[in-house]
Amino acid sequence: MFDLQGKIALITGGNGVLGGAIADGLAAEDVKVAILGRTEETVNEAVQKIEKNGGEALALVADVLDKKSLNLAKDKLLKQWGGLDILVNAAGGNRKGATIGPEQTFFDLSLDDFSAVTDLNLKGTVLPSFIFGEILAEHKKGSIINISSMAAQSAITRVVGYSAAKAGIDNFTKWLAVEMAQKYGDGLRVNAIAPGFFVGDQNRDLLLQPDGSLTDRGNTITAQTPMKRFGKPEELQGVALWLAGSGSAFVTGTVIPVDGGFNAFSGV
């Protein structure tokens, strides 16, 4: 259906919740999937999960902010599989000091944490694109998929650092799409997925009570979401597979919401 059999993909943050779901979806379409992350244990767990389900996977332990480790991962990828067709930049995250709590103001922001969060999310997308995107450019074909957020498109309280970084990813996605098309032709595309609200390890306590019921913030979010629920990680797979495959051959420079209608709803 997606014309992906035999392709090679690399997912940064493929050992996380959302990146892992995308990795699983690609593997189910007979894509060879390289999982890149900093933590060897969780990277290996993600690889073993794919292999257990009959897929082919490769563990790459590297830091998306470290050029040397990324180049070593690139060498290992090329030695093992000889190429790359799909790059998914799913590494990211947040820090408490880069958010503004209910009793805080902007002036309580930790600038060090703000810098760390913008580096992880924005530079952590730019640098892998720089390292691994060169493989795609050499062959003048492939798909880069970045992970944006609803936080990039309108003001969401508290998450100032994360929001700024994801807004940067939106712009970088469009810029790189134009650059790649103009310099390397129509076979190399760059797009982004903008998830709405999905429950992960980092935001679980913000959205859910220990008993699984919604927090006040969780209630506010679902009230603003026409589908009245959070997303499920596997619900990112369809868009990712489409953007990775030939069915989206004339699509580049887009940021596609997967958000249950959150972005479309005015609240009225």
Foldseek 3Di string as FASTA:
>chain_A
DQPAAPAEEEEEVCLFFQVVLQQLLSQVVNYEYEYEEQDQVSQVVSQVVSVVVPGHYHYQHAALLDLVSLLVSVVVCCVVRNAHAEYEQPWADADQLQWADPPGDPVSHDVVRLVVRLCRQAVSLVSNCVNRVVRCLVVLAHEYEYEAAPLCVDPDHTNRSNNVSSVNVLVVQLVVQVVSCVPRNLRYAGEYEYEYADDTPRCPVVAADPVGHGDPVVQVRLLLQPVSDHDRSNLVNVVSSNRGGPVCSVDHSYYHYPYNCNVVGPSD
